[in-house]
Amino acid sequence: MSGRYKVTTNSIRNLIIEHFKDGVSIRTIRKLVKVSHSTVFAIIKRWKLRGTVENALKSGAPQKRTPRNRSFIMHKVKKNPRHSAVRLTTELEKRFAIKVNPETVRRVIRSYGYNSRVARRKFFVNERTRKLRLDFANSMVDKDISFWESVIFLDESKI
C-alpha cells in the first residue's frame, strides 16, 4: 500500500544535513537536492530534534495479517463466496493458530474488491420443472403473430 507522499531516501536526507552543517542556506539546499523547501526544513528540524535522519519506530501493534493469511482468505472466498467472515475466522484459527477479528477478515476481502451482498433467492429447477418449462416453450414456438400481438410483456416486476 503506497503512502500519500513521496518518501525521501536516507542518502538524500544525509546530503541535506551535510549541506546544512557546511552553512548552506535552506533555499540553496533545496535547489541543489531538488526537493521542496518544506521537505528540507522538516529534515533539518527532525535532525536537530532527534539527532538522526532515520525514520522513527512506528507505534501500534504489529499486523496479524501476513501475505500468507491474506492469500488463504482469498483462496477460501474464491472457492466458496458464501463463506461468512466468522467461519473464515475460525478456519484461520485452526490453520495458523492466530486469533483474528471477523472485521479484519472482512477488511481483507474488501481490499481485494469484493463487496458484501446477499445472494438472490432463485427457484430450484429440477428435472420435472425443467421438462415442464421446455414443453411450455415448445408449445409457444408455433403460435402465429396475431397471438403475440395480444400478449403484454412485463419485466417481471410485481404490479
N, C-alpha and C. Protein backbone atom coordinates (compact mmCIF):
# COMPACT_ATOMS: atom_id res chain seq x y z
N MET A 1 0.85 -1.17 0.00
CA MET A 1 0.00 0.00 0.00
C MET A 1 0.89 1.23 0.00
N SER A 2 0.76 2.09 -0.97
CA SER A 2 1.62 3.25 -1.07
C SER A 2 1.08 4.40 -0.21
N GLY A 3 2.01 5.25 0.22
CA GLY A 3 1.65 6.37 1.06
C GLY A 3 1.09 7.53 0.27
N ARG A 4 0.81 8.60 0.98
CA ARG A 4 0.21 9.76 0.33
C ARG A 4 1.27 10.68 -0.26
N TYR A 5 2.52 10.49 0.10
CA TYR A 5 3.56 11.39 -0.37
C TYR A 5 4.81 10.60 -0.71
N LYS A 6 5.73 11.24 -1.45
CA LYS A 6 6.96 10.59 -1.85
C LYS A 6 7.94 10.63 -0.68
N VAL A 7 8.55 9.51 -0.38
CA VAL A 7 9.46 9.42 0.76
C VAL A 7 10.88 9.69 0.26
N THR A 8 11.60 10.56 0.98
CA THR A 8 13.00 10.83 0.62
C THR A 8 13.87 9.73 1.20
N THR A 9 14.91 9.38 0.50
CA THR A 9 15.81 8.32 0.96
C THR A 9 16.75 8.87 2.02
N ASN A 10 17.37 7.96 2.76
CA ASN A 10 18.31 8.37 3.81
C ASN A 10 19.53 9.06 3.21
N SER A 11 19.95 8.67 2.02
CA SER A 11 21.12 9.32 1.41
C SER A 11 20.82 10.78 1.08
N ILE A 12 19.60 11.07 0.61
CA ILE A 12 19.22 12.46 0.34
C ILE A 12 19.13 13.24 1.64
N ARG A 13 18.58 12.62 2.66
CA ARG A 13 18.49 13.30 3.96
C ARG A 13 19.87 13.62 4.51
N ASN A 14 20.80 12.65 4.41
CA ASN A 14 22.17 12.89 4.89
C ASN A 14 22.86 13.98 4.09
N LEU A 15 22.60 14.04 2.78
CA LEU A 15 23.16 15.09 1.93
C LEU A 15 22.64 16.46 2.37
N ILE A 16 21.37 16.54 2.67
CA ILE A 16 20.79 17.81 3.14
C ILE A 16 21.45 18.24 4.44
N ILE A 17 21.66 17.31 5.37
CA ILE A 17 22.28 17.63 6.66
C ILE A 17 23.73 18.06 6.47
N GLU A 18 24.46 17.40 5.56
CA GLU A 18 25.85 17.79 5.29
C GLU A 18 25.92 19.23 4.76
N HIS A 19 25.03 19.55 3.81
CA HIS A 19 24.99 20.93 3.29
C HIS A 19 24.64 21.91 4.41
N PHE A 20 23.71 21.53 5.26
CA PHE A 20 23.30 22.42 6.36
C PHE A 20 24.46 22.65 7.33
N LYS A 21 25.21 21.57 7.63
CA LYS A 21 26.37 21.70 8.53
C LYS A 21 27.45 22.60 7.93
N ASP A 22 27.53 22.61 6.58
CA ASP A 22 28.52 23.46 5.90
C ASP A 22 28.09 24.92 5.85
N GLY A 23 26.87 25.21 6.32
CA GLY A 23 26.41 26.60 6.37
C GLY A 23 25.65 27.04 5.14
N VAL A 24 25.23 26.11 4.30
CA VAL A 24 24.46 26.45 3.09
C VAL A 24 23.02 26.74 3.51
N SER A 25 22.40 27.75 2.87
CA SER A 25 21.02 28.11 3.22
C SER A 25 20.03 27.06 2.74
N ILE A 26 18.86 27.09 3.35
CA ILE A 26 17.81 26.14 3.01
C ILE A 26 17.39 26.30 1.55
N ARG A 27 17.32 27.54 1.08
CA ARG A 27 16.92 27.80 -0.30
C ARG A 27 17.92 27.20 -1.29
N THR A 28 19.21 27.34 -0.98
CA THR A 28 20.24 26.79 -1.86
C THR A 28 20.23 25.26 -1.81
N ILE A 29 20.04 24.69 -0.61
CA ILE A 29 19.97 23.23 -0.47
C ILE A 29 18.81 22.69 -1.29
N ARG A 30 17.68 23.39 -1.25
CA ARG A 30 16.50 22.98 -2.00
C ARG A 30 16.80 22.89 -3.49
N LYS A 31 17.55 23.86 -4.01
CA LYS A 31 17.89 23.85 -5.44
C LYS A 31 18.91 22.76 -5.77
N LEU A 32 19.86 22.54 -4.85
CA LEU A 32 20.89 21.52 -5.10
C LEU A 32 20.32 20.10 -5.10
N VAL A 33 19.46 19.82 -4.12
CA VAL A 33 18.95 18.47 -3.93
C VAL A 33 17.66 18.24 -4.73
N LYS A 34 17.02 19.30 -5.16
CA LYS A 34 15.78 19.25 -5.95
C LYS A 34 14.62 18.62 -5.17
N VAL A 35 14.42 19.11 -3.95
CA VAL A 35 13.24 18.76 -3.16
C VAL A 35 12.61 20.07 -2.69
N SER A 36 11.43 20.00 -2.14
CA SER A 36 10.72 21.21 -1.75
C SER A 36 11.35 21.86 -0.52
N HIS A 37 11.04 23.12 -0.35
CA HIS A 37 11.54 23.90 0.79
C HIS A 37 11.07 23.30 2.11
N SER A 38 9.79 22.89 2.15
CA SER A 38 9.24 22.34 3.39
C SER A 38 9.89 21.00 3.73
N THR A 39 10.27 20.21 2.73
CA THR A 39 10.94 18.94 2.98
C THR A 39 12.31 19.16 3.59
N VAL A 40 13.07 20.10 3.03
CA VAL A 40 14.40 20.42 3.57
C VAL A 40 14.26 20.92 5.01
N PHE A 41 13.30 21.81 5.23
CA PHE A 41 13.11 22.37 6.57
C PHE A 41 12.72 21.27 7.57
N ALA A 42 11.82 20.35 7.16
CA ALA A 42 11.38 19.28 8.06
C ALA A 42 12.53 18.32 8.39
N ILE A 43 13.39 18.03 7.41
CA ILE A 43 14.51 17.12 7.65
C ILE A 43 15.50 17.75 8.63
N ILE A 44 15.78 19.03 8.43
CA ILE A 44 16.70 19.73 9.34
C ILE A 44 16.11 19.80 10.74
N LYS A 45 14.82 20.09 10.83
CA LYS A 45 14.15 20.17 12.14
C LYS A 45 14.20 18.82 12.86
N ARG A 46 13.94 17.73 12.12
CA ARG A 46 13.99 16.39 12.71
C ARG A 46 15.40 16.06 13.18
N TRP A 47 16.40 16.45 12.38
CA TRP A 47 17.79 16.18 12.75
C TRP A 47 18.18 16.93 14.03
N LYS A 48 17.72 18.17 14.13
CA LYS A 48 18.00 18.96 15.34
C LYS A 48 17.30 18.36 16.56
N LEU A 49 16.10 17.88 16.36
CA LEU A 49 15.31 17.36 17.48
C LEU A 49 15.80 16.00 17.95
N ARG A 50 16.06 15.07 17.01
CA ARG A 50 16.41 13.70 17.38
C ARG A 50 17.87 13.35 17.17
N GLY A 51 18.57 14.16 16.40
CA GLY A 51 19.98 13.86 16.14
C GLY A 51 20.20 12.82 15.06
N THR A 52 19.15 12.41 14.38
CA THR A 52 19.26 11.43 13.30
C THR A 52 18.23 11.73 12.22
N VAL A 53 18.49 11.20 11.03
CA VAL A 53 17.54 11.40 9.93
C VAL A 53 16.77 10.12 9.65
N GLU A 54 17.01 9.06 10.42
CA GLU A 54 16.32 7.79 10.23
C GLU A 54 14.84 7.94 10.59
N ASN A 55 14.01 7.08 10.03
CA ASN A 55 12.59 7.07 10.36
C ASN A 55 12.40 6.59 11.79
N ALA A 56 11.41 7.15 12.47
CA ALA A 56 11.10 6.73 13.83
C ALA A 56 10.38 5.38 13.79
N LEU A 57 10.43 4.66 14.90
CA LEU A 57 9.70 3.41 15.00
C LEU A 57 8.21 3.70 14.95
N LYS A 58 7.47 2.83 14.28
CA LYS A 58 6.03 3.01 14.16
C LYS A 58 5.34 2.55 15.43
N SER A 59 4.32 3.28 15.81
CA SER A 59 3.57 2.91 17.01
C SER A 59 2.46 1.93 16.65
N GLY A 60 1.91 1.30 17.67
CA GLY A 60 0.80 0.38 17.45
C GLY A 60 1.26 -1.07 17.40
N ALA A 61 0.27 -1.93 17.45
CA ALA A 61 0.55 -3.37 17.44
C ALA A 61 0.92 -3.82 16.03
N PRO A 62 1.75 -4.85 15.90
CA PRO A 62 2.06 -5.36 14.57
C PRO A 62 0.83 -6.02 13.95
N GLN A 63 0.78 -6.01 12.63
CA GLN A 63 -0.37 -6.58 11.95
C GLN A 63 -0.38 -8.10 12.07
N LYS A 64 -1.56 -8.64 12.22
CA LYS A 64 -1.71 -10.09 12.26
C LYS A 64 -1.86 -10.66 10.86
N ARG A 65 -2.23 -9.79 9.91
CA ARG A 65 -2.44 -10.24 8.54
C ARG A 65 -1.10 -10.33 7.83
N THR A 66 -0.68 -11.52 7.53
CA THR A 66 0.51 -11.72 6.73
C THR A 66 0.06 -11.99 5.29
N PRO A 67 0.96 -11.86 4.33
CA PRO A 67 0.57 -12.17 2.96
C PRO A 67 0.03 -13.60 2.81
N ARG A 68 0.56 -14.51 3.60
CA ARG A 68 0.09 -15.90 3.54
C ARG A 68 -1.35 -16.00 4.04
N ASN A 69 -1.66 -15.29 5.14
CA ASN A 69 -3.02 -15.30 5.67
C ASN A 69 -3.99 -14.67 4.68
N ARG A 70 -3.57 -13.57 4.07
CA ARG A 70 -4.44 -12.88 3.10
C ARG A 70 -4.74 -13.79 1.91
N SER A 71 -3.72 -14.48 1.41
CA SER A 71 -3.95 -15.36 0.27
C SER A 71 -4.82 -16.56 0.67
N PHE A 72 -4.68 -17.03 1.91
CA PHE A 72 -5.53 -18.11 2.39
C PHE A 72 -6.99 -17.67 2.41
N ILE A 73 -7.24 -16.46 2.93
CA ILE A 73 -8.60 -15.93 3.00
C ILE A 73 -9.19 -15.80 1.59
N MET A 74 -8.41 -15.22 0.67
CA MET A 74 -8.93 -15.01 -0.67
C MET A 74 -9.12 -16.33 -1.43
N HIS A 75 -8.28 -17.32 -1.15
CA HIS A 75 -8.47 -18.64 -1.76
C HIS A 75 -9.80 -19.23 -1.32
N LYS A 76 -10.10 -19.11 -0.02
CA LYS A 76 -11.36 -19.64 0.51
C LYS A 76 -12.56 -18.89 -0.07
N VAL A 77 -12.43 -17.57 -0.21
CA VAL A 77 -13.54 -16.76 -0.73
C VAL A 77 -13.79 -17.09 -2.20
N LYS A 78 -12.71 -17.25 -2.98
CA LYS A 78 -12.89 -17.57 -4.40
C LYS A 78 -13.47 -18.97 -4.57
N LYS A 79 -13.07 -19.88 -3.68
CA LYS A 79 -13.57 -21.24 -3.75
C LYS A 79 -15.06 -21.29 -3.41
N ASN A 80 -15.45 -20.56 -2.36
CA ASN A 80 -16.86 -20.52 -1.97
C ASN A 80 -17.19 -19.11 -1.47
N PRO A 81 -17.78 -18.26 -2.32
CA PRO A 81 -18.08 -16.87 -1.92
C PRO A 81 -19.13 -16.76 -0.82
N ARG A 82 -19.81 -17.84 -0.50
CA ARG A 82 -20.85 -17.78 0.53
C ARG A 82 -20.31 -17.98 1.95
N HIS A 83 -19.01 -18.21 2.10
CA HIS A 83 -18.43 -18.34 3.44
C HIS A 83 -18.62 -17.04 4.20
N SER A 84 -18.98 -17.12 5.46
CA SER A 84 -19.11 -15.92 6.28
C SER A 84 -17.74 -15.56 6.86
N ALA A 85 -17.61 -14.31 7.29
CA ALA A 85 -16.35 -13.86 7.88
C ALA A 85 -16.07 -14.60 9.18
N VAL A 86 -17.10 -14.91 9.93
CA VAL A 86 -16.93 -15.64 11.19
C VAL A 86 -16.38 -17.04 10.91
N ARG A 87 -16.91 -17.67 9.89
CA ARG A 87 -16.44 -19.02 9.54
C ARG A 87 -14.99 -18.99 9.05
N LEU A 88 -14.66 -17.97 8.25
CA LEU A 88 -13.28 -17.83 7.79
C LEU A 88 -12.33 -17.56 8.96
N THR A 89 -12.83 -16.83 9.96
CA THR A 89 -12.02 -16.56 11.15
C THR A 89 -11.69 -17.84 11.90
N THR A 90 -12.68 -18.71 12.06
CA THR A 90 -12.41 -19.97 12.75
C THR A 90 -11.47 -20.85 11.95
N GLU A 91 -11.56 -20.81 10.61
CA GLU A 91 -10.64 -21.59 9.79
C GLU A 91 -9.22 -21.06 9.90
N LEU A 92 -9.09 -19.73 9.99
CA LEU A 92 -7.76 -19.13 10.20
C LEU A 92 -7.17 -19.56 11.53
N GLU A 93 -8.01 -19.59 12.57
CA GLU A 93 -7.54 -20.00 13.89
C GLU A 93 -7.05 -21.44 13.86
N LYS A 94 -7.79 -22.32 13.17
CA LYS A 94 -7.40 -23.72 13.10
C LYS A 94 -6.11 -23.90 12.30
N ARG A 95 -6.00 -23.18 11.19
CA ARG A 95 -4.88 -23.38 10.27
C ARG A 95 -3.59 -22.73 10.76
N PHE A 96 -3.69 -21.46 11.23
CA PHE A 96 -2.48 -20.69 11.57
C PHE A 96 -2.32 -20.42 13.06
N ALA A 97 -3.28 -20.84 13.86
CA ALA A 97 -3.25 -20.64 15.32
C ALA A 97 -3.10 -19.17 15.69
N ILE A 98 -3.83 -18.30 14.99
CA ILE A 98 -3.88 -16.88 15.35
C ILE A 98 -5.32 -16.48 15.56
N LYS A 99 -5.55 -15.58 16.51
CA LYS A 99 -6.89 -15.11 16.80
C LYS A 99 -7.09 -13.79 16.07
N VAL A 100 -8.06 -13.78 15.16
CA VAL A 100 -8.33 -12.61 14.32
C VAL A 100 -9.80 -12.25 14.44
N ASN A 101 -10.09 -10.97 14.44
CA ASN A 101 -11.46 -10.48 14.49
C ASN A 101 -12.12 -10.69 13.12
N PRO A 102 -13.41 -11.04 13.07
CA PRO A 102 -14.09 -11.19 11.78
C PRO A 102 -14.05 -9.91 10.93
N GLU A 103 -14.01 -8.76 11.57
CA GLU A 103 -13.93 -7.50 10.82
C GLU A 103 -12.60 -7.39 10.07
N THR A 104 -11.55 -7.96 10.63
CA THR A 104 -10.26 -7.99 9.94
C THR A 104 -10.37 -8.81 8.66
N VAL A 105 -11.06 -9.93 8.73
CA VAL A 105 -11.27 -10.77 7.54
C VAL A 105 -12.09 -10.00 6.51
N ARG A 106 -13.11 -9.31 6.96
CA ARG A 106 -13.93 -8.51 6.03
C ARG A 106 -13.09 -7.43 5.36
N ARG A 107 -12.20 -6.81 6.12
CA ARG A 107 -11.35 -5.76 5.58
C ARG A 107 -10.42 -6.31 4.49
N VAL A 108 -9.89 -7.51 4.71
CA VAL A 108 -9.03 -8.16 3.70
C VAL A 108 -9.84 -8.42 2.44
N ILE A 109 -11.04 -8.94 2.59
CA ILE A 109 -11.87 -9.26 1.44
C ILE A 109 -12.23 -7.99 0.66
N ARG A 110 -12.56 -6.91 1.39
CA ARG A 110 -12.87 -5.64 0.73
C ARG A 110 -11.66 -5.07 0.00
N SER A 111 -10.47 -5.28 0.55
CA SER A 111 -9.26 -4.73 -0.10
C SER A 111 -9.01 -5.37 -1.46
N TYR A 112 -9.55 -6.57 -1.68
CA TYR A 112 -9.41 -7.24 -2.98
C TYR A 112 -10.58 -6.91 -3.91
N GLY A 113 -11.44 -5.99 -3.52
CA GLY A 113 -12.51 -5.53 -4.40
C GLY A 113 -13.82 -6.28 -4.26
N TYR A 114 -13.93 -7.17 -3.30
CA TYR A 114 -15.18 -7.89 -3.09
C TYR A 114 -16.08 -7.06 -2.17
N ASN A 115 -17.37 -7.08 -2.44
CA ASN A 115 -18.34 -6.39 -1.59
C ASN A 115 -19.31 -7.40 -1.01
N SER A 116 -19.87 -7.07 0.14
CA SER A 116 -20.80 -8.00 0.78
C SER A 116 -22.19 -7.80 0.19
N ARG A 117 -22.70 -8.83 -0.38
CA ARG A 117 -24.05 -8.83 -0.94
C ARG A 117 -24.71 -10.14 -0.56
N VAL A 118 -26.02 -10.10 -0.42
CA VAL A 118 -26.78 -11.31 -0.15
C VAL A 118 -27.18 -11.91 -1.49
N ALA A 119 -26.96 -13.19 -1.66
CA ALA A 119 -27.29 -13.85 -2.92
C ALA A 119 -28.80 -13.87 -3.11
N ARG A 120 -29.22 -13.61 -4.34
CA ARG A 120 -30.64 -13.59 -4.65
C ARG A 120 -31.19 -15.01 -4.59
N ARG A 121 -32.39 -15.14 -4.03
CA ARG A 121 -33.03 -16.44 -3.97
C ARG A 121 -33.57 -16.79 -5.35
N LYS A 122 -33.31 -18.00 -5.80
CA LYS A 122 -33.79 -18.44 -7.10
C LYS A 122 -34.57 -19.74 -6.92
N PHE A 123 -35.50 -19.95 -7.82
CA PHE A 123 -36.28 -21.18 -7.77
C PHE A 123 -35.40 -22.36 -8.14
N PHE A 124 -35.60 -23.44 -7.44
CA PHE A 124 -34.85 -24.64 -7.75
C PHE A 124 -35.46 -25.30 -8.97
N VAL A 125 -34.65 -25.55 -9.97
CA VAL A 125 -35.13 -26.16 -11.20
C VAL A 125 -34.65 -27.61 -11.23
N ASN A 126 -35.58 -28.53 -10.98
CA ASN A 126 -35.22 -29.94 -11.05
C ASN A 126 -35.63 -30.51 -12.41
N GLU A 127 -35.49 -31.79 -12.59
CA GLU A 127 -35.78 -32.42 -13.89
C GLU A 127 -37.25 -32.24 -14.30
N ARG A 128 -38.15 -32.37 -13.33
CA ARG A 128 -39.58 -32.28 -13.63
C ARG A 128 -39.95 -30.87 -14.10
N THR A 129 -39.52 -29.85 -13.35
CA THR A 129 -39.86 -28.47 -13.74
C THR A 129 -39.12 -28.07 -15.01
N ARG A 130 -37.92 -28.59 -15.22
CA ARG A 130 -37.19 -28.30 -16.46
C ARG A 130 -37.97 -28.84 -17.66
N LYS A 131 -38.52 -30.03 -17.53
CA LYS A 131 -39.28 -30.65 -18.62
C LYS A 131 -40.57 -29.85 -18.87
N LEU A 132 -41.24 -29.42 -17.78
CA LEU A 132 -42.46 -28.63 -17.93
C LEU A 132 -42.18 -27.30 -18.65
N ARG A 133 -41.09 -26.64 -18.28
CA ARG A 133 -40.73 -25.38 -18.92
C ARG A 133 -40.41 -25.58 -20.40
N LEU A 134 -39.71 -26.66 -20.72
CA LEU A 134 -39.37 -26.95 -22.10
C LEU A 134 -40.63 -27.24 -22.93
N ASP A 135 -41.56 -27.99 -22.36
CA ASP A 135 -42.83 -28.28 -23.04
C ASP A 135 -43.61 -27.00 -23.30
N PHE A 136 -43.65 -26.12 -22.31
CA PHE A 136 -44.35 -24.84 -22.47
C PHE A 136 -43.71 -24.01 -23.59
N ALA A 137 -42.37 -23.94 -23.58
CA ALA A 137 -41.67 -23.17 -24.61
C ALA A 137 -41.92 -23.75 -26.00
N ASN A 138 -41.90 -25.07 -26.11
CA ASN A 138 -42.15 -25.72 -27.40
C ASN A 138 -43.57 -25.47 -27.87
N SER A 139 -44.53 -25.42 -26.94
CA SER A 139 -45.92 -25.16 -27.34
C SER A 139 -46.12 -23.72 -27.80
N MET A 140 -45.28 -22.79 -27.34
CA MET A 140 -45.41 -21.38 -27.72
C MET A 140 -44.66 -21.03 -29.00
N VAL A 141 -43.77 -21.90 -29.46
CA VAL A 141 -42.95 -21.60 -30.63
C VAL A 141 -43.80 -21.45 -31.90
N ASP A 142 -44.80 -22.28 -32.06
CA ASP A 142 -45.57 -22.31 -33.30
C ASP A 142 -46.76 -21.35 -33.32
N LYS A 143 -46.91 -20.49 -32.31
CA LYS A 143 -48.02 -19.52 -32.29
C LYS A 143 -47.81 -18.48 -33.37
N ASP A 144 -48.94 -18.02 -33.98
CA ASP A 144 -48.82 -17.03 -35.04
C ASP A 144 -48.73 -15.61 -34.48
N ILE A 145 -48.50 -14.64 -35.34
CA ILE A 145 -48.24 -13.26 -34.95
C ILE A 145 -49.46 -12.64 -34.27
N SER A 146 -50.66 -12.98 -34.68
CA SER A 146 -51.87 -12.40 -34.07
C SER A 146 -51.96 -12.75 -32.58
N PHE A 147 -51.47 -13.93 -32.21
CA PHE A 147 -51.46 -14.32 -30.79
C PHE A 147 -50.49 -13.44 -30.00
N TRP A 148 -49.28 -13.23 -30.55
CA TRP A 148 -48.25 -12.48 -29.82
C TRP A 148 -48.58 -10.99 -29.75
N GLU A 149 -49.46 -10.47 -30.66
CA GLU A 149 -49.85 -9.07 -30.58
C GLU A 149 -50.78 -8.81 -29.41
N SER A 150 -51.43 -9.85 -28.92
CA SER A 150 -52.34 -9.68 -27.78
C SER A 150 -51.66 -9.95 -26.44
N VAL A 151 -50.37 -10.29 -26.46
CA VAL A 151 -49.63 -10.61 -25.22
C VAL A 151 -48.91 -9.36 -24.74
N ILE A 152 -49.00 -9.10 -23.43
CA ILE A 152 -48.30 -7.96 -22.84
C ILE A 152 -47.07 -8.53 -22.11
N PHE A 153 -45.87 -8.04 -22.49
CA PHE A 153 -44.64 -8.48 -21.83
C PHE A 153 -44.29 -7.52 -20.71
N LEU A 154 -43.95 -8.06 -19.60
CA LEU A 154 -43.52 -7.27 -18.45
C LEU A 154 -42.09 -7.64 -18.09
N ASP A 155 -41.48 -6.78 -17.29
CA ASP A 155 -40.10 -7.08 -16.87
C ASP A 155 -40.08 -7.85 -15.56
N GLU A 156 -41.09 -8.65 -15.33
CA GLU A 156 -41.24 -9.50 -14.15
C GLU A 156 -41.34 -8.71 -12.85
N SER A 157 -41.71 -7.43 -12.97
CA SER A 157 -41.93 -6.65 -11.75
C SER A 157 -43.36 -6.91 -11.26
N LYS A 158 -43.56 -6.74 -9.95
CA LYS A 158 -44.86 -7.02 -9.38
C LYS A 158 -45.73 -5.79 -9.50
N ILE A 159 -46.91 -5.95 -10.08
CA ILE A 159 -47.83 -4.81 -10.29
C ILE A 159 -49.05 -4.98 -9.43
